[in-house]
């Protein structure tokens, strides 16, 4: 009988290595289940080990790291390698899928493994934990009944501006909140592109370091963001994970 593929949420950033610190972000039941597993598929093995060390702080019976197998699945993993990653589950072994941050399989290469698991009749169990996208929608004050995640936009400035305008048109016609993410060191360019391409009355939210002590969420019109940037009052979001949201009025 095949094992179960557990989709295990990670933290959204650094967490103090202190007893109880992780429990503020992840349910204790999720941590307890994670502590029992000995096979993980992770976007980055080093990050996964750091996460498992945090789990072990509150779960002294957790398996020693040297007894845990961690296989990597990232953008460089060829499709042909997915079957090998799934082989232990087909042999009856349970596994945990862990992303770099937040929930796996959302804007994450782990989705390919989940799809293959379904094709082989392997049970997939998503576990509760922090999702930057949902937290951003909750805190933005924008439309939480209709929203779309668009991932990364083109890096070319002209194409990016064109895409923003397309999404703004969709937002206006469907009253739909649009979500974007960017490589953290390009956060400044993304916000500048948004306020330049959007209509002045479009609401723009910048949500940074969600669930962390340095969390910041701010929603203003594109016009007010433009004035803030001109006055040198940009958000403190350089190299910090950030979700951008906007809703045309």
Foldseek 3Di string as FASTA:
>chain_A
DFAAEEWAAFAADDWDLDPPGCCLWFPLVSLVVVLAAQEEEEQDPVLVVVRVSSSCSHPVSRDPVVSHHYHYDFPPDDLVCLVVSRVNRVVHGYYYYYYSHTTAPDLTRCVSNVVVCVVVVHHYHYGDGDDPVVLLLVPAPADPVAEDEDEAFDPPLVRRLVVLLVVQVVLVVVVYKYKYWDQQQCPVVVLVSNLVNDDQAKKKWKWWPPPDPPTDIDIDGSVVQVVCVVVVNDDPRRNTTIMMMIHHD
